[in-house]
Structure formats: structure tokens, C-alpha cells
Amino acid sequence: MLAMRQYDPDPVIDARIRRAVRYGQTRWAEIWLSTIAVGVGLVLVGPTETFSNNSFRVIASVVSERTAGGLCLFFGLMRLGALWVNGRRGRETSLIRTFGCLGGFVFWLAIALGFLLTAPPITTGVAVYTILAIAELHASGRAAGDMAAEDTFGIRKRRRASAGGGSAA
């Protein structure tokens, strides 16, 4: 059995952080968003010419369909892996999750803008991809909150060390 990680020596702060980092709070949203990215990636690397659709002409002028599909697959699978490690193994992967969410935000927003720039007519893709982008942005904030709770960059630890070192002198 794995030992429970102690986030902070103060038991009150540790309990508060533990509640904030529980598996499932926003990770399910991240799992679904990652799965959508994998699904979109599979469609884009598949045999059909998805980018031949007029709604994708702006996106097709920037990136090829296969490249976009490969990126979707790679980052979607990386995020799913990070979420699995984070939720099942007790190792913290919030930094990967945060970058994954921010990358997803940029990707979905780019598709939404591409659809918007091909208007008229405005298609349902504008609404769907915009909502996916907003969901990624929200999830990135939660993942960044987990980074803070986990003290990913050691900021709390360094502050405590400098405060302890300064008071002992």
C-alpha cells in the first residue's frame, strides 16, 4: 500500500490541500477533453479529407490535416497518461495537466476562430469548439491550482526554509 503524501507539515493546511487535490474534481473534464482530442486526432489522420470541408479552410492554410491529427493524438494520449498516473499512482502530474489544458485551449480556440473566419454561414462548430476551449481554460485553472497545492516548484518549501533560517539567526 502506498503511503499518503503529506503536502504540508501543518495538518490543517495539509487537509485543505488534500481535499483540493482529490482525484475526480476536474480530472473527469480533463479526461473527456483529452478523449475528444484523441477522437478528433483519429478522424484527422484517417483516410477521409476532413480539411477539404470549407469550414476548415483557414485551419488548412496553417497546418496540414495529418499534422493536426498527429498533434491531437499525441497530446490527447499524453494527457490521458498524465491523468492516469496522477489518479492511480499517487504521483503528481499537474504541470503536464496544466500545459495539456492550455494546449487544448489554444487548439480548440484556433478551430473555433477558423470556423468563424469562414462565415457566413456560422456553423455549430463555432459554438462547440468555443465551449471546448472555455472548458480547457477552466480545467487549466484547476490543474494550476493543483500545482500550487502540490508545491510543484517548491515555493512554499523555499519560503519556509528562508523564514526558518531567518528566525534562527
N, C-alpha and C. Protein backbone atom coordinates (compact mmCIF):
# COMPACT_ATOMS: atom_id res chain seq x y z
N MET A 1 0.84 -1.19 0.00
CA MET A 1 0.00 0.00 0.00
C MET A 1 0.89 1.25 0.00
N LEU A 2 0.50 2.24 -0.77
CA LEU A 2 1.26 3.48 -0.85
C LEU A 2 0.99 4.34 0.37
N ALA A 3 2.04 4.98 0.87
CA ALA A 3 1.88 5.90 1.99
C ALA A 3 1.21 7.18 1.48
N MET A 4 0.36 7.78 2.31
CA MET A 4 -0.28 9.02 1.91
C MET A 4 0.75 10.13 1.89
N ARG A 5 0.73 10.89 0.84
CA ARG A 5 1.65 12.01 0.71
C ARG A 5 1.25 13.12 1.64
N GLN A 6 2.25 13.73 2.27
CA GLN A 6 1.99 14.90 3.10
C GLN A 6 2.35 16.13 2.28
N TYR A 7 1.35 16.97 2.02
CA TYR A 7 1.57 18.16 1.21
C TYR A 7 2.17 19.28 2.03
N ASP A 8 1.79 19.35 3.29
CA ASP A 8 2.23 20.45 4.13
C ASP A 8 2.36 19.94 5.57
N PRO A 9 3.38 20.41 6.31
CA PRO A 9 3.53 19.95 7.69
C PRO A 9 2.40 20.41 8.62
N ASP A 10 1.75 21.50 8.29
CA ASP A 10 0.62 21.97 9.09
C ASP A 10 -0.58 21.09 8.75
N PRO A 11 -1.13 20.35 9.74
CA PRO A 11 -2.22 19.41 9.44
C PRO A 11 -3.48 20.08 8.88
N VAL A 12 -3.77 21.30 9.27
CA VAL A 12 -4.95 21.99 8.76
C VAL A 12 -4.76 22.32 7.28
N ILE A 13 -3.58 22.86 6.95
CA ILE A 13 -3.30 23.19 5.56
C ILE A 13 -3.22 21.91 4.74
N ASP A 14 -2.59 20.85 5.29
CA ASP A 14 -2.48 19.58 4.59
C ASP A 14 -3.86 19.02 4.26
N ALA A 15 -4.78 19.08 5.21
CA ALA A 15 -6.14 18.57 4.98
C ALA A 15 -6.85 19.39 3.90
N ARG A 16 -6.66 20.70 3.93
CA ARG A 16 -7.29 21.56 2.93
C ARG A 16 -6.73 21.27 1.54
N ILE A 17 -5.42 21.09 1.45
CA ILE A 17 -4.80 20.78 0.16
C ILE A 17 -5.26 19.41 -0.32
N ARG A 18 -5.31 18.44 0.58
CA ARG A 18 -5.73 17.09 0.23
C ARG A 18 -7.14 17.10 -0.37
N ARG A 19 -8.04 17.88 0.23
CA ARG A 19 -9.40 18.00 -0.32
C ARG A 19 -9.38 18.63 -1.70
N ALA A 20 -8.50 19.60 -1.91
CA ALA A 20 -8.44 20.31 -3.19
C ALA A 20 -7.86 19.44 -4.30
N VAL A 21 -7.04 18.47 -3.96
CA VAL A 21 -6.33 17.68 -4.96
C VAL A 21 -6.98 16.32 -5.20
N ARG A 22 -8.08 16.04 -4.51
CA ARG A 22 -8.72 14.73 -4.68
C ARG A 22 -8.96 14.40 -6.14
N TYR A 23 -8.73 13.16 -6.48
CA TYR A 23 -8.97 12.71 -7.85
C TYR A 23 -10.44 12.85 -8.19
N GLY A 24 -10.72 13.41 -9.34
CA GLY A 24 -12.09 13.47 -9.82
C GLY A 24 -12.70 14.85 -9.83
N GLN A 25 -12.10 15.83 -9.17
CA GLN A 25 -12.74 17.13 -9.14
C GLN A 25 -12.90 17.71 -10.54
N THR A 26 -11.82 17.95 -11.23
CA THR A 26 -11.93 18.40 -12.61
C THR A 26 -11.24 17.44 -13.54
N ARG A 27 -10.66 16.41 -13.00
CA ARG A 27 -9.95 15.48 -13.86
C ARG A 27 -10.89 14.76 -14.82
N TRP A 28 -12.15 14.57 -14.42
CA TRP A 28 -13.08 13.95 -15.36
C TRP A 28 -13.30 14.84 -16.57
N ALA A 29 -13.38 16.14 -16.36
CA ALA A 29 -13.48 17.05 -17.50
C ALA A 29 -12.24 16.94 -18.36
N GLU A 30 -11.07 16.86 -17.73
CA GLU A 30 -9.82 16.72 -18.48
C GLU A 30 -9.78 15.38 -19.23
N ILE A 31 -10.29 14.34 -18.60
CA ILE A 31 -10.33 13.03 -19.27
C ILE A 31 -11.20 13.11 -20.52
N TRP A 32 -12.38 13.71 -20.40
CA TRP A 32 -13.26 13.82 -21.56
C TRP A 32 -12.66 14.71 -22.64
N LEU A 33 -12.06 15.83 -22.25
CA LEU A 33 -11.45 16.72 -23.23
C LEU A 33 -10.28 16.03 -23.94
N SER A 34 -9.51 15.26 -23.20
CA SER A 34 -8.39 14.51 -23.79
C SER A 34 -8.91 13.43 -24.73
N THR A 35 -9.98 12.77 -24.34
CA THR A 35 -10.57 11.73 -25.18
C THR A 35 -11.14 12.33 -26.46
N ILE A 36 -11.73 13.50 -26.36
CA ILE A 36 -12.21 14.20 -27.56
C ILE A 36 -11.03 14.51 -28.48
N ALA A 37 -9.92 14.97 -27.92
CA ALA A 37 -8.73 15.27 -28.73
C ALA A 37 -8.24 14.02 -29.44
N VAL A 38 -8.22 12.88 -28.73
CA VAL A 38 -7.80 11.62 -29.35
C VAL A 38 -8.76 11.25 -30.48
N GLY A 39 -10.06 11.39 -30.24
CA GLY A 39 -11.05 11.09 -31.27
C GLY A 39 -10.90 11.97 -32.49
N VAL A 40 -10.72 13.27 -32.27
CA VAL A 40 -10.52 14.20 -33.39
C VAL A 40 -9.23 13.84 -34.12
N GLY A 41 -8.19 13.51 -33.37
CA GLY A 41 -6.92 13.11 -33.98
C GLY A 41 -7.08 11.90 -34.87
N LEU A 42 -7.83 10.90 -34.39
CA LEU A 42 -8.05 9.69 -35.19
C LEU A 42 -8.79 10.01 -36.50
N VAL A 43 -9.77 10.89 -36.41
CA VAL A 43 -10.51 11.28 -37.62
C VAL A 43 -9.58 12.01 -38.59
N LEU A 44 -8.75 12.91 -38.05
CA LEU A 44 -7.88 13.71 -38.92
C LEU A 44 -6.77 12.89 -39.58
N VAL A 45 -6.26 11.86 -38.92
CA VAL A 45 -5.23 11.02 -39.56
C VAL A 45 -5.84 9.90 -40.39
N GLY A 46 -7.15 9.76 -40.32
CA GLY A 46 -7.86 8.73 -41.09
C GLY A 46 -7.87 9.02 -42.58
N PRO A 47 -8.52 8.15 -43.33
CA PRO A 47 -8.47 8.25 -44.80
C PRO A 47 -9.32 9.37 -45.40
N THR A 48 -10.27 9.92 -44.65
CA THR A 48 -11.11 10.97 -45.23
C THR A 48 -10.37 12.30 -45.25
N GLU A 49 -10.80 13.18 -46.11
CA GLU A 49 -10.20 14.52 -46.22
C GLU A 49 -11.07 15.52 -45.47
N THR A 50 -10.96 15.53 -44.15
CA THR A 50 -11.80 16.39 -43.31
C THR A 50 -11.54 17.86 -43.61
N PHE A 51 -10.28 18.24 -43.84
CA PHE A 51 -9.95 19.64 -44.06
C PHE A 51 -10.42 20.13 -45.44
N SER A 52 -10.94 19.25 -46.29
CA SER A 52 -11.47 19.70 -47.58
C SER A 52 -12.81 20.41 -47.39
N ASN A 53 -13.44 20.21 -46.23
CA ASN A 53 -14.67 20.91 -45.89
C ASN A 53 -14.37 22.40 -45.81
N ASN A 54 -15.20 23.23 -46.35
CA ASN A 54 -14.98 24.68 -46.40
C ASN A 54 -14.75 25.29 -45.02
N SER A 55 -15.37 24.75 -44.00
CA SER A 55 -15.22 25.29 -42.65
C SER A 55 -13.78 25.18 -42.13
N PHE A 56 -13.00 24.28 -42.69
CA PHE A 56 -11.63 24.07 -42.24
C PHE A 56 -10.58 24.79 -43.10
N ARG A 57 -11.00 25.61 -44.07
CA ARG A 57 -10.02 26.17 -45.00
C ARG A 57 -9.00 27.08 -44.31
N VAL A 58 -9.40 27.84 -43.30
CA VAL A 58 -8.45 28.70 -42.58
C VAL A 58 -7.43 27.84 -41.84
N ILE A 59 -7.89 26.80 -41.17
CA ILE A 59 -7.01 25.91 -40.43
C ILE A 59 -6.07 25.19 -41.40
N ALA A 60 -6.60 24.74 -42.54
CA ALA A 60 -5.79 24.02 -43.53
C ALA A 60 -4.69 24.91 -44.11
N SER A 61 -4.88 26.22 -44.09
CA SER A 61 -3.83 27.12 -44.60
C SER A 61 -2.67 27.25 -43.61
N VAL A 62 -2.88 26.83 -42.37
CA VAL A 62 -1.85 26.94 -41.34
C VAL A 62 -1.17 25.61 -41.06
N VAL A 63 -1.94 24.54 -41.03
CA VAL A 63 -1.40 23.22 -40.67
C VAL A 63 -2.08 22.15 -41.51
N SER A 64 -1.32 21.11 -41.83
CA SER A 64 -1.92 20.02 -42.61
C SER A 64 -2.83 19.18 -41.72
N GLU A 65 -3.73 18.49 -42.36
CA GLU A 65 -4.69 17.65 -41.63
C GLU A 65 -3.96 16.55 -40.84
N ARG A 66 -2.98 15.92 -41.46
CA ARG A 66 -2.24 14.84 -40.78
C ARG A 66 -1.44 15.38 -39.60
N THR A 67 -0.83 16.55 -39.75
CA THR A 67 -0.07 17.14 -38.65
C THR A 67 -0.99 17.48 -37.49
N ALA A 68 -2.13 18.11 -37.79
CA ALA A 68 -3.09 18.43 -36.74
C ALA A 68 -3.58 17.17 -36.05
N GLY A 69 -3.86 16.13 -36.83
CA GLY A 69 -4.32 14.86 -36.26
C GLY A 69 -3.25 14.22 -35.39
N GLY A 70 -2.01 14.24 -35.86
CA GLY A 70 -0.91 13.68 -35.07
C GLY A 70 -0.72 14.42 -33.77
N LEU A 71 -0.81 15.75 -33.81
CA LEU A 71 -0.69 16.54 -32.58
C LEU A 71 -1.83 16.25 -31.61
N CYS A 72 -3.05 16.14 -32.14
CA CYS A 72 -4.21 15.81 -31.30
C CYS A 72 -4.00 14.46 -30.62
N LEU A 73 -3.58 13.48 -31.40
CA LEU A 73 -3.36 12.15 -30.83
C LEU A 73 -2.26 12.17 -29.78
N PHE A 74 -1.14 12.79 -30.11
CA PHE A 74 0.00 12.82 -29.19
C PHE A 74 -0.38 13.49 -27.87
N PHE A 75 -0.90 14.71 -27.96
CA PHE A 75 -1.19 15.44 -26.73
C PHE A 75 -2.38 14.87 -25.97
N GLY A 76 -3.37 14.37 -26.68
CA GLY A 76 -4.50 13.73 -26.01
C GLY A 76 -4.05 12.50 -25.23
N LEU A 77 -3.21 11.66 -25.85
CA LEU A 77 -2.72 10.47 -25.17
C LEU A 77 -1.77 10.81 -24.03
N MET A 78 -0.94 11.85 -24.21
CA MET A 78 -0.05 12.30 -23.12
C MET A 78 -0.87 12.75 -21.91
N ARG A 79 -1.91 13.51 -22.17
CA ARG A 79 -2.75 13.98 -21.07
C ARG A 79 -3.45 12.82 -20.38
N LEU A 80 -3.96 11.88 -21.16
CA LEU A 80 -4.61 10.71 -20.54
C LEU A 80 -3.61 9.94 -19.69
N GLY A 81 -2.39 9.81 -20.18
CA GLY A 81 -1.34 9.15 -19.39
C GLY A 81 -1.04 9.91 -18.11
N ALA A 82 -0.92 11.22 -18.20
CA ALA A 82 -0.65 12.04 -17.01
C ALA A 82 -1.81 11.94 -16.02
N LEU A 83 -3.02 11.92 -16.51
CA LEU A 83 -4.18 11.80 -15.62
C LEU A 83 -4.22 10.43 -14.96
N TRP A 84 -3.85 9.40 -15.69
CA TRP A 84 -3.83 8.05 -15.12
C TRP A 84 -2.78 7.98 -14.01
N VAL A 85 -1.58 8.48 -14.29
CA VAL A 85 -0.52 8.48 -13.28
C VAL A 85 -0.96 9.28 -12.07
N ASN A 86 -1.52 10.46 -12.32
CA ASN A 86 -1.94 11.35 -11.23
C ASN A 86 -3.02 10.72 -10.37
N GLY A 87 -3.96 10.03 -10.99
CA GLY A 87 -5.09 9.50 -10.25
C GLY A 87 -4.86 8.13 -9.66
N ARG A 88 -4.02 7.32 -10.26
CA ARG A 88 -3.87 5.93 -9.83
C ARG A 88 -2.59 5.66 -9.06
N ARG A 89 -1.57 6.37 -9.37
CA ARG A 89 -0.27 6.05 -8.80
C ARG A 89 0.15 6.98 -7.66
N GLY A 90 -0.56 8.05 -7.46
CA GLY A 90 -0.22 8.97 -6.37
C GLY A 90 0.91 9.91 -6.72
N ARG A 91 1.38 9.89 -7.95
CA ARG A 91 2.41 10.84 -8.37
C ARG A 91 1.71 12.06 -8.95
N GLU A 92 2.30 13.19 -8.72
CA GLU A 92 1.65 14.42 -9.14
C GLU A 92 2.12 14.83 -10.53
N THR A 93 1.19 15.07 -11.40
CA THR A 93 1.49 15.43 -12.80
C THR A 93 0.74 16.69 -13.20
N SER A 94 0.51 17.57 -12.25
CA SER A 94 -0.29 18.77 -12.53
C SER A 94 0.36 19.69 -13.56
N LEU A 95 1.68 19.72 -13.62
CA LEU A 95 2.34 20.56 -14.61
C LEU A 95 2.01 20.08 -16.01
N ILE A 96 2.07 18.77 -16.24
CA ILE A 96 1.71 18.21 -17.55
C ILE A 96 0.24 18.48 -17.83
N ARG A 97 -0.60 18.30 -16.81
CA ARG A 97 -2.03 18.56 -16.99
C ARG A 97 -2.28 20.02 -17.37
N THR A 98 -1.59 20.94 -16.69
CA THR A 98 -1.79 22.37 -16.97
C THR A 98 -1.39 22.71 -18.40
N PHE A 99 -0.21 22.25 -18.82
CA PHE A 99 0.22 22.52 -20.19
C PHE A 99 -0.71 21.85 -21.20
N GLY A 100 -1.19 20.66 -20.88
CA GLY A 100 -2.14 19.97 -21.76
C GLY A 100 -3.42 20.76 -21.93
N CYS A 101 -3.93 21.28 -20.83
CA CYS A 101 -5.15 22.09 -20.89
C CYS A 101 -4.94 23.37 -21.68
N LEU A 102 -3.81 24.03 -21.45
CA LEU A 102 -3.53 25.27 -22.18
C LEU A 102 -3.35 24.99 -23.68
N GLY A 103 -2.68 23.89 -24.00
CA GLY A 103 -2.55 23.50 -25.41
C GLY A 103 -3.91 23.20 -26.02
N GLY A 104 -4.75 22.50 -25.27
CA GLY A 104 -6.10 22.21 -25.74
C GLY A 104 -6.91 23.48 -25.95
N PHE A 105 -6.75 24.43 -25.04
CA PHE A 105 -7.44 25.72 -25.17
C PHE A 105 -7.05 26.40 -26.49
N VAL A 106 -5.75 26.46 -26.75
CA VAL A 106 -5.27 27.11 -27.98
C VAL A 106 -5.79 26.36 -29.21
N PHE A 107 -5.72 25.03 -29.17
CA PHE A 107 -6.15 24.23 -30.32
C PHE A 107 -7.63 24.42 -30.61
N TRP A 108 -8.48 24.24 -29.58
CA TRP A 108 -9.93 24.36 -29.81
C TRP A 108 -10.31 25.79 -30.20
N LEU A 109 -9.66 26.78 -29.58
CA LEU A 109 -9.95 28.17 -29.93
C LEU A 109 -9.55 28.46 -31.38
N ALA A 110 -8.41 27.90 -31.82
CA ALA A 110 -7.98 28.10 -33.21
C ALA A 110 -9.01 27.50 -34.18
N ILE A 111 -9.53 26.34 -33.85
CA ILE A 111 -10.55 25.74 -34.71
C ILE A 111 -11.81 26.60 -34.72
N ALA A 112 -12.22 27.07 -33.54
CA ALA A 112 -13.41 27.93 -33.45
C ALA A 112 -13.22 29.20 -34.29
N LEU A 113 -12.04 29.81 -34.17
CA LEU A 113 -11.78 31.03 -34.95
C LEU A 113 -11.74 30.72 -36.45
N GLY A 114 -11.16 29.57 -36.78
CA GLY A 114 -11.15 29.17 -38.19
C GLY A 114 -12.55 29.02 -38.75
N PHE A 115 -13.43 28.42 -37.96
CA PHE A 115 -14.83 28.27 -38.39
C PHE A 115 -15.49 29.64 -38.50
N LEU A 116 -15.19 30.51 -37.54
CA LEU A 116 -15.80 31.84 -37.56
C LEU A 116 -15.32 32.65 -38.77
N LEU A 117 -14.05 32.51 -39.12
CA LEU A 117 -13.50 33.27 -40.25
C LEU A 117 -14.00 32.78 -41.60
N THR A 118 -14.56 31.57 -41.65
CA THR A 118 -15.12 31.08 -42.92
C THR A 118 -16.59 31.45 -43.07
N ALA A 119 -17.15 32.13 -42.07
CA ALA A 119 -18.56 32.53 -42.12
C ALA A 119 -18.74 33.63 -43.15
N PRO A 120 -19.91 33.83 -43.70
CA PRO A 120 -21.12 33.11 -43.44
C PRO A 120 -21.15 31.77 -44.18
N PRO A 121 -21.93 30.87 -43.77
CA PRO A 121 -22.77 30.88 -42.58
C PRO A 121 -21.96 30.49 -41.34
N ILE A 122 -22.43 30.92 -40.20
CA ILE A 122 -21.83 30.48 -38.94
C ILE A 122 -22.39 29.09 -38.65
N THR A 123 -21.48 28.15 -38.43
CA THR A 123 -21.90 26.77 -38.20
C THR A 123 -21.90 26.46 -36.71
N THR A 124 -22.44 25.32 -36.38
CA THR A 124 -22.46 24.88 -34.97
C THR A 124 -21.04 24.63 -34.45
N GLY A 125 -20.10 24.42 -35.36
CA GLY A 125 -18.71 24.23 -34.95
C GLY A 125 -18.17 25.40 -34.15
N VAL A 126 -18.59 26.61 -34.47
CA VAL A 126 -18.15 27.79 -33.72
C VAL A 126 -18.53 27.64 -32.25
N ALA A 127 -19.77 27.26 -31.99
CA ALA A 127 -20.24 27.11 -30.61
C ALA A 127 -19.55 25.94 -29.91
N VAL A 128 -19.49 24.80 -30.58
CA VAL A 128 -18.93 23.60 -29.96
C VAL A 128 -17.46 23.80 -29.62
N TYR A 129 -16.66 24.28 -30.58
CA TYR A 129 -15.22 24.43 -30.33
C TYR A 129 -14.92 25.56 -29.36
N THR A 130 -15.76 26.60 -29.35
CA THR A 130 -15.57 27.66 -28.35
C THR A 130 -15.83 27.13 -26.95
N ILE A 131 -16.86 26.32 -26.79
CA ILE A 131 -17.16 25.74 -25.48
C ILE A 131 -16.05 24.78 -25.05
N LEU A 132 -15.51 24.01 -25.98
CA LEU A 132 -14.38 23.14 -25.65
C LEU A 132 -13.18 23.98 -25.18
N ALA A 133 -12.93 25.09 -25.85
CA ALA A 133 -11.82 25.97 -25.46
C ALA A 133 -12.05 26.53 -24.05
N ILE A 134 -13.25 26.97 -23.77
CA ILE A 134 -13.56 27.51 -22.43
C ILE A 134 -13.42 26.42 -21.38
N ALA A 135 -13.86 25.21 -21.69
CA ALA A 135 -13.72 24.09 -20.75
C ALA A 135 -12.25 23.81 -20.46
N GLU A 136 -11.41 23.87 -21.49
CA GLU A 136 -9.97 23.66 -21.29
C GLU A 136 -9.37 24.76 -20.42
N LEU A 137 -9.81 26.00 -20.65
CA LEU A 137 -9.31 27.11 -19.85
C LEU A 137 -9.69 26.93 -18.38
N HIS A 138 -10.93 26.52 -18.13
CA HIS A 138 -11.36 26.26 -16.76
C HIS A 138 -10.55 25.13 -16.13
N ALA A 139 -10.36 24.05 -16.87
CA ALA A 139 -9.60 22.91 -16.36
C ALA A 139 -8.15 23.30 -16.11
N SER A 140 -7.59 24.20 -16.93
CA SER A 140 -6.20 24.62 -16.72
C SER A 140 -6.06 25.39 -15.40
N GLY A 141 -7.08 26.16 -15.07
CA GLY A 141 -7.06 26.85 -13.78
C GLY A 141 -7.08 25.88 -12.62
N ARG A 142 -7.88 24.83 -12.74
CA ARG A 142 -7.93 23.82 -11.68
C ARG A 142 -6.62 23.05 -11.59
N ALA A 143 -6.04 22.71 -12.74
CA ALA A 143 -4.76 21.99 -12.75
C ALA A 143 -3.66 22.87 -12.16
N ALA A 144 -3.69 24.16 -12.48
CA ALA A 144 -2.71 25.08 -11.90
C ALA A 144 -2.92 25.20 -10.39
N GLY A 145 -4.17 25.14 -9.95
CA GLY A 145 -4.45 25.13 -8.51
C GLY A 145 -3.87 23.89 -7.85
N ASP A 146 -3.95 22.75 -8.54
CA ASP A 146 -3.32 21.53 -8.03
C ASP A 146 -1.82 21.69 -7.96
N MET A 147 -1.22 22.37 -8.95
CA MET A 147 0.22 22.62 -8.91
C MET A 147 0.57 23.41 -7.66
N ALA A 148 -0.22 24.43 -7.36
CA ALA A 148 0.05 25.24 -6.17
C ALA A 148 -0.10 24.40 -4.91
N ALA A 149 -1.15 23.58 -4.86
CA ALA A 149 -1.36 22.73 -3.69
C ALA A 149 -0.23 21.73 -3.50
N GLU A 150 0.28 21.21 -4.60
CA GLU A 150 1.37 20.23 -4.55
C GLU A 150 2.72 20.89 -4.37
N ASP A 151 2.77 22.22 -4.46
CA ASP A 151 4.02 22.97 -4.37
C ASP A 151 5.00 22.47 -5.43
N THR A 152 4.51 22.38 -6.66
CA THR A 152 5.28 21.82 -7.77
C THR A 152 6.64 22.47 -7.93
N PHE A 153 6.74 23.76 -7.76
CA PHE A 153 8.01 24.46 -7.94
C PHE A 153 8.75 24.70 -6.63
N GLY A 154 8.23 24.16 -5.53
CA GLY A 154 8.91 24.27 -4.24
C GLY A 154 8.88 25.65 -3.62
N ILE A 155 7.92 26.47 -4.00
CA ILE A 155 7.86 27.85 -3.50
C ILE A 155 7.59 27.87 -1.99
N ARG A 156 6.56 27.11 -1.55
CA ARG A 156 6.26 27.07 -0.11
C ARG A 156 7.44 26.53 0.68
N LYS A 157 8.07 25.51 0.16
CA LYS A 157 9.22 24.89 0.84
C LYS A 157 10.36 25.90 0.99
N ARG A 158 10.64 26.64 -0.08
CA ARG A 158 11.72 27.65 -0.01
C ARG A 158 11.36 28.77 0.94
N ARG A 159 10.09 29.20 0.93
CA ARG A 159 9.66 30.26 1.87
C ARG A 159 9.82 29.82 3.31
N ARG A 160 9.40 28.60 3.58
CA ARG A 160 9.54 28.09 4.94
C ARG A 160 11.01 27.98 5.35
N ALA A 161 11.84 27.51 4.42
CA ALA A 161 13.26 27.37 4.72
C ALA A 161 13.91 28.72 4.99
N SER A 162 13.52 29.72 4.17
CA SER A 162 14.12 31.05 4.39
C SER A 162 13.54 31.71 5.65
N ALA A 163 12.28 31.46 5.94
CA ALA A 163 11.68 32.03 7.17
C ALA A 163 12.27 31.34 8.40
N GLY A 164 12.44 30.03 8.32
CA GLY A 164 13.04 29.30 9.43
C GLY A 164 14.49 29.66 9.62
N GLY A 165 15.20 29.84 8.51
CA GLY A 165 16.63 30.19 8.58
C GLY A 165 16.81 31.61 9.10
N GLY A 166 15.89 32.50 8.74
CA GLY A 166 16.00 33.90 9.17
C GLY A 166 15.66 34.06 10.63
N SER A 167 14.72 33.25 11.15
CA SER A 167 14.33 33.40 12.55
C SER A 167 15.31 32.74 13.49
N ALA A 168 16.10 31.77 12.98
CA ALA A 168 17.05 31.08 13.83
C ALA A 168 18.33 31.89 14.00
N ALA A 169 18.56 32.86 13.14
CA ALA A 169 19.81 33.63 13.19
C ALA A 169 19.75 34.72 14.21
